[in-house]
Amino acid sequence: MPRRSYDHYCAVSRALDLVGDRWTLLVVRELCSGPRRYSDLFADLPGISTDMLATRLKDLEREGLLTHHRNGMRSSYELTASGQALRPVLDALSAWGTPLLGDRKPTDAVRAHWLALPLGRAVAELVPAGTVTVHIGETVLHYVITAEGVTHHEGPAPAADREWRLDLAEATEIATGARALTVG
């Protein structure tokens, strides 16, 4: 089935032709921290069907935004440079959407790594350059902060300049701005 297009000679329209479908940017969000297996993507995107996930992955691969690595029985998906270029878009959406979070509803799914983008902004305020490891319960992320911006990755930093240990409630409060991340 051919993909729908807005058929507008407009940069925003062309971008939305590629990434404007439901779930697409959330798949990109999941891949921002590094390669992921299909089963991990499915587990961390509650509410998506297997057919929808497979379709979105094929679409993103066809458009050159991700690559599918096959190694025998194991395979993974990883953003290409073009896919990684969507990170500032996700950062902007995260900054814009953070005030919209409000209180968490009982029906809201949550994953600690979903807080990575707003936490990255809080980390960068205290550490203007370097590497930082953040533990959120069992989830471990690390940030690389440079003059070009902040990126996050799965697992601890090889040689972190700073390290924070937070529970999910603390991480949520920091991510939403209800409390500040402190040095001490």
Protein backbone atom coordinates (compact mmCIF):
# COMPACT_ATOMS: atom_id res chain seq x y z
CA MET A 1 0.00 0.00 0.00
CA PRO A 2 1.49 3.37 -0.95
CA ARG A 3 2.09 5.77 1.88
CA ARG A 4 -0.13 8.79 2.15
CA SER A 5 1.37 12.20 1.50
CA TYR A 6 0.19 15.68 2.27
CA ASP A 7 1.43 16.68 -1.19
CA HIS A 8 2.44 20.10 0.12
CA TYR A 9 5.66 21.70 -1.08
CA CYS A 10 6.63 22.41 2.53
CA ALA A 11 9.50 21.12 4.66
CA VAL A 12 7.22 20.34 7.64
CA SER A 13 4.84 18.46 5.36
CA ARG A 14 7.66 16.41 3.82
CA ALA A 15 9.00 15.56 7.29
CA LEU A 16 5.56 14.52 8.49
CA ASP A 17 5.16 12.35 5.38
CA LEU A 18 8.04 10.29 6.85
CA VAL A 19 7.56 10.48 10.62
CA GLY A 20 4.02 11.74 11.18
CA ASP A 21 2.30 8.37 11.53
CA ARG A 22 1.15 7.16 14.93
CA TRP A 23 3.92 5.40 16.88
CA THR A 24 6.73 6.42 14.50
CA LEU A 25 8.40 9.01 16.73
CA LEU A 26 7.96 6.77 19.77
CA VAL A 27 9.86 4.03 17.95
CA VAL A 28 12.58 6.59 17.21
CA ARG A 29 12.54 7.62 20.90
CA GLU A 30 13.17 4.00 21.88
CA LEU A 31 16.14 3.78 19.51
CA CYS A 32 17.76 7.07 20.57
CA SER A 33 19.77 5.35 23.30
CA GLY A 34 21.17 2.68 20.98
CA PRO A 35 20.27 -0.54 19.17
CA ARG A 36 17.29 -2.52 20.42
CA ARG A 37 15.81 -5.93 19.69
CA TYR A 38 12.25 -6.26 18.41
CA SER A 39 11.12 -7.88 21.67
CA ASP A 40 12.58 -5.00 23.71
CA LEU A 41 10.86 -2.43 21.49
CA PHE A 42 7.57 -4.29 21.82
CA ALA A 43 7.91 -4.49 25.62
CA ASP A 44 8.70 -0.77 25.93
CA LEU A 45 5.88 0.41 23.67
CA PRO A 46 2.80 -0.75 25.60
CA GLY A 47 -0.32 -0.51 23.47
CA ILE A 48 1.35 -1.08 20.10
CA SER A 49 0.36 -4.21 18.20
CA THR A 50 3.00 -6.50 16.75
CA ASP A 51 1.70 -5.73 13.25
CA MET A 52 1.95 -1.98 13.84
CA LEU A 53 5.47 -2.25 15.25
CA ALA A 54 6.59 -4.39 12.32
CA THR A 55 5.06 -1.90 9.88
CA ARG A 56 6.68 1.11 11.53
CA LEU A 57 10.08 -0.60 11.60
CA LYS A 58 9.80 -1.51 7.91
CA ASP A 59 8.72 2.05 7.05
CA LEU A 60 11.63 3.58 8.98
CA GLU A 61 14.08 1.16 7.38
CA ARG A 62 12.72 1.87 3.88
CA GLU A 63 13.06 5.62 4.48
CA GLY A 64 16.67 5.20 5.65
CA LEU A 65 16.03 6.24 9.26
CA LEU A 66 17.04 2.91 10.78
CA THR A 67 18.92 -0.21 9.90
CA HIS A 68 17.99 -3.77 10.73
CA HIS A 69 21.01 -5.84 11.75
CA ARG A 70 20.58 -9.59 11.39
CA ASN A 71 23.02 -11.93 13.11
CA GLY A 72 21.70 -15.46 12.98
CA MET A 73 18.79 -15.78 15.39
CA ARG A 74 19.50 -12.37 16.94
CA SER A 75 18.61 -9.14 15.25
CA SER A 76 18.43 -5.54 16.29
CA TYR A 77 17.34 -2.16 15.01
CA GLU A 78 19.48 0.96 15.11
CA LEU A 79 18.99 4.54 13.99
CA THR A 80 21.02 5.74 11.04
CA ALA A 81 22.61 9.19 11.04
CA SER A 82 19.42 10.46 9.43
CA GLY A 83 17.35 8.86 12.20
CA GLN A 84 19.67 10.27 14.89
CA ALA A 85 19.09 13.71 13.36
CA LEU A 86 15.54 13.47 14.75
CA ARG A 87 16.85 13.72 18.31
CA PRO A 88 16.53 17.54 18.45
CA VAL A 89 12.92 17.12 17.30
CA LEU A 90 12.29 14.70 20.18
CA ASP A 91 14.10 17.06 22.58
CA ALA A 92 11.86 19.93 21.46
CA LEU A 93 8.70 17.80 21.76
CA SER A 94 9.84 16.64 25.20
CA ALA A 95 10.46 20.21 26.39
CA TRP A 96 7.11 21.32 24.99
CA GLY A 97 5.26 18.29 26.37
CA THR A 98 6.76 18.15 29.86
CA PRO A 99 4.40 20.80 31.28
CA LEU A 100 1.49 18.79 29.85
CA LEU A 101 2.31 15.69 31.94
CA GLY A 102 0.43 16.76 35.06
CA ASP A 103 -0.22 14.04 37.61
CA ARG A 104 0.27 10.47 36.52
CA LYS A 105 -3.02 8.67 35.98
CA PRO A 106 -3.47 5.09 37.23
CA THR A 107 -3.84 3.96 33.60
CA ASP A 108 -0.58 5.61 32.44
CA ALA A 109 2.20 3.24 31.47
CA VAL A 110 5.66 4.39 32.51
CA ARG A 111 9.21 3.29 31.81
CA ALA A 112 12.14 4.91 33.57
CA HIS A 113 14.01 5.49 30.31
CA TRP A 114 11.09 7.58 29.01
CA LEU A 115 12.37 10.27 31.39
CA ALA A 116 15.77 10.34 29.65
CA LEU A 117 15.16 13.48 27.58
CA PRO A 118 13.91 15.80 30.34
CA LEU A 119 16.43 14.34 32.81
CA GLY A 120 19.17 15.06 30.29
CA ARG A 121 18.25 18.74 30.38
CA ALA A 122 18.43 18.72 34.20
CA VAL A 123 21.79 16.92 34.15
CA ALA A 124 23.24 19.36 31.61
CA GLU A 125 22.35 22.29 33.88
CA LEU A 126 24.71 20.88 36.53
CA VAL A 127 27.31 19.27 34.27
CA PRO A 128 27.94 21.50 31.24
CA ALA A 129 30.37 18.98 29.68
CA GLY A 130 31.32 15.39 30.42
CA THR A 131 29.70 12.03 31.07
CA VAL A 132 27.14 11.22 33.72
CA THR A 133 25.57 7.94 34.80
CA VAL A 134 22.02 8.01 36.16
CA HIS A 135 20.42 5.03 37.88
CA ILE A 136 16.62 5.08 38.02
CA GLY A 137 15.79 2.00 40.02
CA GLU A 138 17.04 -0.90 37.87
CA THR A 139 17.40 1.27 34.75
CA VAL A 140 20.86 2.68 34.06
CA LEU A 141 21.49 5.42 31.51
CA HIS A 142 24.44 7.56 30.77
CA TYR A 143 24.61 10.99 29.25
CA VAL A 144 27.30 12.55 27.14
CA ILE A 145 27.17 16.34 27.38
CA THR A 146 29.11 18.39 24.82
CA ALA A 147 28.87 21.84 23.28
CA GLU A 148 26.71 20.23 20.57
CA GLY A 149 24.14 18.95 23.07
CA VAL A 150 23.17 16.01 25.24
CA THR A 151 22.81 12.39 24.17
CA HIS A 152 21.72 9.46 26.29
CA HIS A 153 22.72 5.82 26.04
CA GLU A 154 21.82 2.56 27.76
CA GLY A 155 24.05 1.37 30.57
CA PRO A 156 26.65 3.11 32.70
CA ALA A 157 29.29 5.45 31.28
CA PRO A 158 32.72 3.81 31.03
CA ALA A 159 34.25 6.62 33.13
CA ALA A 160 31.53 8.88 34.47
CA ASP A 161 32.35 12.35 35.80
CA ARG A 162 29.23 12.21 38.00
CA GLU A 163 26.71 9.61 39.09
CA TRP A 164 23.20 9.91 40.47
CA ARG A 165 20.94 7.23 41.96
CA LEU A 166 17.24 8.04 41.86
CA ASP A 167 14.04 6.14 42.36
CA LEU A 168 11.27 6.53 39.78
CA ALA A 169 9.37 9.09 41.90
CA GLU A 170 12.48 11.28 42.30
CA ALA A 171 13.33 11.00 38.61
CA THR A 172 9.77 11.95 37.69
CA GLU A 173 9.83 14.99 39.97
CA ILE A 174 13.13 16.15 38.46
CA ALA A 175 11.98 15.47 34.90
CA THR A 176 8.76 17.44 35.41
CA GLY A 177 10.50 20.31 37.22
CA ALA A 178 8.74 19.65 40.53
CA ARG A 179 12.16 19.46 42.16
CA ALA A 180 15.73 20.20 41.11
CA LEU A 181 18.51 17.76 40.57
CA THR A 182 21.12 18.60 43.19
CA VAL A 183 24.85 18.12 43.30
CA GLY A 184 24.93 16.75 46.84
